């Protein structure tokens, strides 16, 4: 089973105090991936998770907890591939964020699956070779 690059959308669901239905399934899956040691994180996702936290104490707690997941090292080639995916998608009329395309490039390079709730990644798959991780129990 491949390691899993967990997108901000999944972290956000899992970190909410109240969840229900599909959100619970996603949160439980993240917990299992953490227990299995398969979760991977990159700096841009770390930044997105931590951005917008108003309370400094909560920020510090979350920052400390996220340090359990060291960043995957990003190389020049990662950003070049992300730009290439961006260009391919844009040419096809598909919009996305720079972070999304870095996620695609990292997943390709490291043979990671991407765990996300963002449906845009389904469109990116036509231009980037990565797997999407799905919860095992629904």
N, C-alpha and C. Protein backbone atom coordinates (compact mmCIF):
# COMPACT_ATOMS: atom_id res chain seq x y z
N UNK A 1 0.83 -1.18 0.00
CA UNK A 1 0.00 0.00 0.00
C UNK A 1 0.88 1.25 0.00
N UNK A 2 0.53 2.23 -0.82
CA UNK A 2 1.37 3.43 -0.87
C UNK A 2 1.16 4.33 0.34
N UNK A 3 2.18 5.16 0.61
CA UNK A 3 1.99 6.21 1.60
C UNK A 3 0.99 7.20 1.03
N UNK A 4 0.44 8.05 1.89
CA UNK A 4 -0.67 8.91 1.49
C UNK A 4 -0.37 10.37 1.83
N UNK A 5 -0.43 11.20 0.80
CA UNK A 5 -0.30 12.64 0.96
C UNK A 5 -1.69 13.18 1.28
N UNK A 6 -1.86 13.68 2.49
CA UNK A 6 -3.18 14.11 2.97
C UNK A 6 -3.35 15.60 2.68
N UNK A 7 -4.38 15.91 1.92
CA UNK A 7 -4.68 17.28 1.51
C UNK A 7 -5.32 18.06 2.66
N UNK A 8 -5.25 19.37 2.55
CA UNK A 8 -5.81 20.27 3.55
C UNK A 8 -7.29 20.00 3.82
N UNK A 9 -8.04 19.67 2.77
CA UNK A 9 -9.48 19.44 2.94
C UNK A 9 -9.76 18.31 3.94
N UNK A 10 -8.94 17.28 3.94
CA UNK A 10 -9.11 16.16 4.87
C UNK A 10 -8.70 16.57 6.27
N UNK A 11 -7.55 17.25 6.39
CA UNK A 11 -7.12 17.73 7.70
C UNK A 11 -8.19 18.62 8.32
N UNK A 12 -8.76 19.51 7.51
CA UNK A 12 -9.78 20.44 8.02
C UNK A 12 -10.98 19.70 8.58
N UNK A 13 -11.45 18.69 7.86
CA UNK A 13 -12.57 17.89 8.36
C UNK A 13 -12.22 17.19 9.66
N UNK A 14 -11.05 16.60 9.69
CA UNK A 14 -10.65 15.81 10.86
C UNK A 14 -10.42 16.69 12.09
N UNK A 15 -10.04 17.93 11.88
CA UNK A 15 -9.72 18.81 13.01
C UNK A 15 -10.94 19.56 13.55
N UNK A 16 -12.06 19.47 12.85
CA UNK A 16 -13.28 20.10 13.34
C UNK A 16 -13.78 19.37 14.58
N UNK A 17 -14.41 20.11 15.45
CA UNK A 17 -14.93 19.50 16.68
C UNK A 17 -16.13 18.61 16.40
N UNK A 18 -17.01 19.03 15.52
CA UNK A 18 -18.23 18.26 15.24
C UNK A 18 -18.19 17.76 13.81
N UNK A 19 -18.35 16.47 13.66
CA UNK A 19 -18.45 15.88 12.33
C UNK A 19 -19.57 14.86 12.33
N UNK A 20 -20.04 14.54 11.14
CA UNK A 20 -21.09 13.52 11.04
C UNK A 20 -21.02 12.87 9.68
N UNK A 21 -21.65 11.70 9.54
CA UNK A 21 -21.75 11.02 8.26
C UNK A 21 -20.43 10.79 7.57
N UNK A 22 -20.34 11.28 6.34
CA UNK A 22 -19.15 11.09 5.51
C UNK A 22 -17.91 11.71 6.17
N UNK A 23 -18.10 12.81 6.88
CA UNK A 23 -16.98 13.45 7.56
C UNK A 23 -16.36 12.51 8.60
N UNK A 24 -17.20 11.74 9.30
CA UNK A 24 -16.70 10.76 10.27
C UNK A 24 -15.88 9.68 9.58
N UNK A 25 -16.33 9.24 8.42
CA UNK A 25 -15.62 8.22 7.66
C UNK A 25 -14.23 8.73 7.28
N UNK A 26 -14.18 9.96 6.84
CA UNK A 26 -12.90 10.56 6.44
C UNK A 26 -11.98 10.72 7.64
N UNK A 27 -12.52 11.20 8.74
CA UNK A 27 -11.73 11.38 9.97
C UNK A 27 -11.18 10.05 10.48
N UNK A 28 -12.01 9.02 10.46
CA UNK A 28 -11.56 7.69 10.92
C UNK A 28 -10.46 7.15 10.00
N UNK A 29 -10.62 7.37 8.70
CA UNK A 29 -9.60 6.91 7.76
C UNK A 29 -8.27 7.61 8.02
N UNK A 30 -8.32 8.91 8.27
CA UNK A 30 -7.08 9.63 8.59
C UNK A 30 -6.45 9.07 9.85
N UNK A 31 -7.25 8.80 10.86
CA UNK A 31 -6.73 8.21 12.10
C UNK A 31 -6.02 6.88 11.82
N UNK A 32 -6.64 6.04 10.99
CA UNK A 32 -6.03 4.75 10.66
C UNK A 32 -4.72 4.94 9.89
N UNK A 33 -4.69 5.87 8.97
CA UNK A 33 -3.46 6.13 8.21
C UNK A 33 -2.34 6.62 9.13
N UNK A 34 -2.71 7.46 10.10
CA UNK A 34 -1.72 7.93 11.08
C UNK A 34 -1.18 6.75 11.86
N UNK A 35 -2.08 5.88 12.35
CA UNK A 35 -1.65 4.71 13.13
C UNK A 35 -0.76 3.79 12.31
N UNK A 36 -1.01 3.70 11.02
CA UNK A 36 -0.21 2.85 10.14
C UNK A 36 1.11 3.50 9.72
N UNK A 37 1.29 4.77 10.07
CA UNK A 37 2.51 5.49 9.71
C UNK A 37 2.60 5.82 8.22
N UNK A 38 1.46 5.97 7.56
CA UNK A 38 1.45 6.18 6.10
C UNK A 38 1.18 7.62 5.69
N UNK A 39 0.94 8.52 6.65
CA UNK A 39 0.61 9.91 6.33
C UNK A 39 1.87 10.69 5.95
N UNK A 40 1.76 11.45 4.87
CA UNK A 40 2.85 12.32 4.43
C UNK A 40 2.31 13.74 4.33
N UNK A 41 3.20 14.71 4.54
CA UNK A 41 2.83 16.11 4.57
C UNK A 41 3.88 16.92 3.82
N UNK A 42 3.44 17.99 3.18
CA UNK A 42 4.37 18.92 2.53
C UNK A 42 4.16 20.31 3.12
N UNK A 43 5.17 21.14 3.02
CA UNK A 43 5.12 22.49 3.58
C UNK A 43 3.90 23.31 3.16
N UNK A 44 3.56 23.33 1.86
CA UNK A 44 2.39 24.13 1.47
C UNK A 44 1.08 23.68 2.14
N UNK A 45 0.92 22.38 2.37
CA UNK A 45 -0.28 21.91 3.07
C UNK A 45 -0.19 22.30 4.54
N UNK A 46 0.98 22.16 5.14
CA UNK A 46 1.17 22.57 6.54
C UNK A 46 0.78 24.04 6.70
N UNK A 47 1.23 24.87 5.76
CA UNK A 47 0.91 26.30 5.82
C UNK A 47 -0.60 26.53 5.71
N UNK A 48 -1.26 25.83 4.79
CA UNK A 48 -2.70 25.99 4.64
C UNK A 48 -3.44 25.58 5.91
N UNK A 49 -3.02 24.48 6.53
CA UNK A 49 -3.68 24.00 7.75
C UNK A 49 -3.56 25.04 8.87
N UNK A 50 -2.38 25.63 9.00
CA UNK A 50 -2.12 26.56 10.09
C UNK A 50 -2.60 27.98 9.82
N UNK A 51 -2.85 28.31 8.58
CA UNK A 51 -3.28 29.66 8.23
C UNK A 51 -4.72 29.91 8.69
N UNK A 52 -4.94 31.08 9.22
CA UNK A 52 -6.29 31.48 9.61
C UNK A 52 -6.69 31.10 11.02
N UNK A 53 -5.80 30.49 11.77
CA UNK A 53 -6.12 30.16 13.17
C UNK A 53 -5.93 31.44 13.99
N UNK A 54 -7.01 31.94 14.53
CA UNK A 54 -6.97 33.24 15.21
C UNK A 54 -6.36 33.15 16.60
N UNK A 55 -6.63 32.07 17.29
CA UNK A 55 -6.16 31.92 18.67
C UNK A 55 -4.72 31.39 18.67
N UNK A 56 -3.80 32.15 19.25
CA UNK A 56 -2.39 31.78 19.23
C UNK A 56 -2.13 30.46 19.96
N UNK A 57 -2.86 30.21 21.05
CA UNK A 57 -2.67 28.96 21.79
C UNK A 57 -3.06 27.76 20.92
N UNK A 58 -4.21 27.86 20.22
CA UNK A 58 -4.62 26.78 19.31
C UNK A 58 -3.60 26.60 18.19
N UNK A 59 -3.09 27.71 17.68
CA UNK A 59 -2.07 27.66 16.62
C UNK A 59 -0.86 26.87 17.11
N UNK A 60 -0.37 27.18 18.29
CA UNK A 60 0.82 26.52 18.84
C UNK A 60 0.57 25.03 19.07
N UNK A 61 -0.60 24.69 19.57
CA UNK A 61 -0.95 23.28 19.81
C UNK A 61 -0.95 22.51 18.50
N UNK A 62 -1.64 23.05 17.50
CA UNK A 62 -1.71 22.37 16.21
C UNK A 62 -0.34 22.29 15.55
N UNK A 63 0.41 23.37 15.61
CA UNK A 63 1.76 23.38 15.03
C UNK A 63 2.61 22.27 15.65
N UNK A 64 2.52 22.13 16.96
CA UNK A 64 3.28 21.09 17.67
C UNK A 64 2.82 19.70 17.24
N UNK A 65 1.51 19.50 17.15
CA UNK A 65 0.99 18.19 16.74
C UNK A 65 1.39 17.83 15.31
N UNK A 66 1.38 18.80 14.43
CA UNK A 66 1.73 18.54 13.04
C UNK A 66 3.22 18.22 12.86
N UNK A 67 4.03 18.60 13.83
CA UNK A 67 5.47 18.30 13.74
C UNK A 67 5.73 16.80 13.81
N UNK A 68 4.73 16.02 14.18
CA UNK A 68 4.86 14.56 14.16
C UNK A 68 4.99 14.06 12.72
N UNK A 69 4.67 14.92 11.76
CA UNK A 69 4.72 14.56 10.34
C UNK A 69 5.74 15.45 9.63
N UNK A 70 7.00 15.00 9.55
CA UNK A 70 8.02 15.82 8.89
C UNK A 70 7.67 16.02 7.41
N UNK A 71 8.03 17.18 6.89
CA UNK A 71 7.74 17.48 5.49
C UNK A 71 8.53 16.59 4.55
N UNK A 72 7.86 16.19 3.47
CA UNK A 72 8.54 15.55 2.35
C UNK A 72 9.39 16.63 1.69
N UNK A 73 10.62 16.31 1.40
CA UNK A 73 11.53 17.28 0.78
C UNK A 73 11.10 17.56 -0.65
N UNK A 74 10.97 18.84 -0.98
CA UNK A 74 10.60 19.24 -2.32
C UNK A 74 11.83 19.74 -3.07
N UNK A 75 12.02 19.23 -4.27
CA UNK A 75 13.17 19.58 -5.08
C UNK A 75 12.76 20.52 -6.21
N UNK A 76 13.72 21.08 -6.89
CA UNK A 76 13.44 21.95 -8.03
C UNK A 76 12.55 21.24 -9.05
N UNK A 77 12.83 19.96 -9.28
CA UNK A 77 12.07 19.20 -10.26
C UNK A 77 10.60 19.08 -9.87
N UNK A 78 10.34 19.09 -8.56
CA UNK A 78 8.96 19.01 -8.09
C UNK A 78 8.17 20.23 -8.58
N UNK A 79 8.76 21.40 -8.42
CA UNK A 79 8.08 22.63 -8.82
C UNK A 79 8.01 22.76 -10.34
N UNK A 80 9.03 22.26 -11.02
CA UNK A 80 8.98 22.26 -12.49
C UNK A 80 7.86 21.36 -13.00
N UNK A 81 7.72 20.19 -12.39
CA UNK A 81 6.64 19.28 -12.79
C UNK A 81 5.28 19.88 -12.43
N UNK A 82 5.19 20.53 -11.27
CA UNK A 82 3.93 21.17 -10.88
C UNK A 82 3.54 22.23 -11.91
N UNK A 83 4.51 23.00 -12.38
CA UNK A 83 4.23 24.01 -13.41
C UNK A 83 3.80 23.36 -14.72
N UNK A 84 4.42 22.25 -15.05
CA UNK A 84 4.05 21.52 -16.27
C UNK A 84 2.60 21.03 -16.18
N UNK A 85 2.22 20.47 -15.04
CA UNK A 85 0.85 20.00 -14.85
C UNK A 85 -0.12 21.18 -14.92
N UNK A 86 0.25 22.28 -14.28
CA UNK A 86 -0.56 23.50 -14.34
C UNK A 86 -0.80 23.90 -15.79
N UNK A 87 0.28 23.95 -16.58
CA UNK A 87 0.17 24.37 -17.98
C UNK A 87 -0.70 23.43 -18.79
N UNK A 88 -0.54 22.12 -18.58
CA UNK A 88 -1.37 21.14 -19.29
C UNK A 88 -2.85 21.31 -18.94
N UNK A 89 -3.11 21.47 -17.66
CA UNK A 89 -4.49 21.64 -17.23
C UNK A 89 -5.08 22.95 -17.75
N UNK A 90 -4.32 24.01 -17.65
CA UNK A 90 -4.82 25.30 -18.12
C UNK A 90 -5.14 25.27 -19.60
N UNK A 91 -4.28 24.61 -20.37
CA UNK A 91 -4.51 24.48 -21.82
C UNK A 91 -5.83 23.75 -22.09
N UNK A 92 -6.19 22.85 -21.18
CA UNK A 92 -7.44 22.09 -21.32
C UNK A 92 -8.61 22.80 -20.64
N UNK A 93 -8.39 24.00 -20.13
CA UNK A 93 -9.47 24.75 -19.50
C UNK A 93 -9.73 24.38 -18.06
N UNK A 94 -8.78 23.69 -17.43
CA UNK A 94 -8.92 23.25 -16.04
C UNK A 94 -8.13 24.19 -15.14
N UNK A 95 -8.81 24.78 -14.17
CA UNK A 95 -8.17 25.69 -13.22
C UNK A 95 -7.83 24.95 -11.94
N UNK A 96 -6.80 25.43 -11.27
CA UNK A 96 -6.43 24.85 -9.99
C UNK A 96 -5.43 25.76 -9.29
N UNK A 97 -5.18 25.49 -8.03
CA UNK A 97 -4.23 26.29 -7.26
C UNK A 97 -2.82 25.76 -7.45
N UNK A 98 -1.85 26.61 -7.22
CA UNK A 98 -0.46 26.17 -7.28
C UNK A 98 -0.21 25.02 -6.31
N UNK A 99 -0.80 25.10 -5.12
CA UNK A 99 -0.63 24.04 -4.14
C UNK A 99 -1.17 22.72 -4.67
N UNK A 100 -2.32 22.75 -5.33
CA UNK A 100 -2.88 21.51 -5.89
C UNK A 100 -1.90 20.86 -6.85
N UNK A 101 -1.28 21.65 -7.69
CA UNK A 101 -0.37 21.09 -8.69
C UNK A 101 0.94 20.61 -8.06
N UNK A 102 1.37 21.25 -6.98
CA UNK A 102 2.54 20.74 -6.23
C UNK A 102 2.18 19.40 -5.61
N UNK A 103 0.97 19.27 -5.08
CA UNK A 103 0.52 18.01 -4.51
C UNK A 103 0.57 16.91 -5.57
N UNK A 104 0.06 17.21 -6.76
CA UNK A 104 0.10 16.23 -7.86
C UNK A 104 1.54 15.80 -8.17
N UNK A 105 2.43 16.78 -8.27
CA UNK A 105 3.83 16.49 -8.61
C UNK A 105 4.49 15.64 -7.52
N UNK A 106 4.26 15.98 -6.26
CA UNK A 106 4.84 15.22 -5.15
C UNK A 106 4.31 13.79 -5.16
N UNK A 107 3.02 13.63 -5.39
CA UNK A 107 2.44 12.29 -5.43
C UNK A 107 3.04 11.47 -6.55
N UNK A 108 3.21 12.06 -7.72
CA UNK A 108 3.84 11.36 -8.85
C UNK A 108 5.26 10.91 -8.50
N UNK A 109 6.06 11.85 -8.05
CA UNK A 109 7.48 11.59 -7.79
C UNK A 109 7.71 10.52 -6.73
N UNK A 110 6.86 10.52 -5.72
CA UNK A 110 7.06 9.63 -4.57
C UNK A 110 6.14 8.43 -4.55
N UNK A 111 5.30 8.31 -5.57
CA UNK A 111 4.32 7.21 -5.66
C UNK A 111 3.41 7.20 -4.44
N UNK A 112 2.98 8.41 -4.03
CA UNK A 112 2.02 8.56 -2.95
C UNK A 112 0.62 8.58 -3.55
N UNK A 113 -0.36 8.13 -2.78
CA UNK A 113 -1.76 8.36 -3.11
C UNK A 113 -2.14 9.70 -2.48
N UNK A 114 -3.13 10.37 -3.04
CA UNK A 114 -3.61 11.63 -2.51
C UNK A 114 -4.97 11.39 -1.84
N UNK A 115 -5.08 11.81 -0.58
CA UNK A 115 -6.34 11.71 0.16
C UNK A 115 -6.92 13.12 0.25
N UNK A 116 -8.02 13.34 -0.45
CA UNK A 116 -8.62 14.66 -0.54
C UNK A 116 -10.12 14.53 -0.68
N UNK A 117 -10.81 15.60 -0.34
CA UNK A 117 -12.24 15.68 -0.64
C UNK A 117 -12.48 16.62 -1.82
N UNK A 118 -11.43 17.18 -2.35
CA UNK A 118 -11.49 18.13 -3.46
C UNK A 118 -11.67 17.38 -4.78
N UNK A 119 -12.82 17.53 -5.38
CA UNK A 119 -13.14 16.82 -6.62
C UNK A 119 -12.31 17.28 -7.81
N UNK A 120 -11.64 18.42 -7.70
CA UNK A 120 -10.78 18.89 -8.80
C UNK A 120 -9.69 17.88 -9.13
N UNK A 121 -9.25 17.12 -8.15
CA UNK A 121 -8.18 16.16 -8.39
C UNK A 121 -8.58 15.08 -9.39
N UNK A 122 -9.87 14.82 -9.51
CA UNK A 122 -10.34 13.88 -10.53
C UNK A 122 -10.00 14.41 -11.92
N UNK A 123 -10.10 15.71 -12.12
CA UNK A 123 -9.77 16.31 -13.42
C UNK A 123 -8.26 16.36 -13.64
N UNK A 124 -7.49 16.58 -12.58
CA UNK A 124 -6.03 16.65 -12.71
C UNK A 124 -5.44 15.31 -13.12
N UNK A 125 -6.11 14.22 -12.77
CA UNK A 125 -5.58 12.89 -13.05
C UNK A 125 -5.34 12.63 -14.54
N UNK A 126 -6.04 13.34 -15.38
CA UNK A 126 -5.84 13.16 -16.82
C UNK A 126 -4.45 13.66 -17.25
N UNK A 127 -3.87 14.55 -16.46
CA UNK A 127 -2.60 15.18 -16.81
C UNK A 127 -1.48 14.87 -15.83
N UNK A 128 -1.78 14.10 -14.82
CA UNK A 128 -0.80 13.74 -13.80
C UNK A 128 -1.08 12.31 -13.34
N UNK A 129 -0.05 11.53 -13.22
CA UNK A 129 -0.21 10.12 -12.87
C UNK A 129 -0.08 9.92 -11.36
N UNK A 130 -1.21 9.92 -10.68
CA UNK A 130 -1.24 9.65 -9.24
C UNK A 130 -2.52 8.89 -8.93
N UNK A 131 -2.52 8.27 -7.77
CA UNK A 131 -3.70 7.55 -7.28
C UNK A 131 -4.43 8.42 -6.27
N UNK A 132 -5.73 8.28 -6.22
CA UNK A 132 -6.51 8.91 -5.16
C UNK A 132 -6.79 7.86 -4.09
N UNK A 133 -6.59 8.24 -2.85
CA UNK A 133 -6.87 7.34 -1.73
C UNK A 133 -8.33 7.49 -1.34
N UNK A 134 -9.01 6.37 -1.17
CA UNK A 134 -10.41 6.38 -0.76
C UNK A 134 -10.52 5.69 0.60
N UNK A 135 -11.42 6.17 1.45
CA UNK A 135 -11.61 5.49 2.73
C UNK A 135 -11.96 4.02 2.50
N UNK A 136 -11.40 3.16 3.33
CA UNK A 136 -11.62 1.72 3.18
C UNK A 136 -12.96 1.29 3.73
N UNK A 137 -13.52 2.08 4.66
CA UNK A 137 -14.82 1.74 5.26
C UNK A 137 -15.75 2.92 5.04
N UNK A 138 -16.85 2.68 4.39
CA UNK A 138 -17.78 3.78 4.14
C UNK A 138 -19.08 3.55 4.85
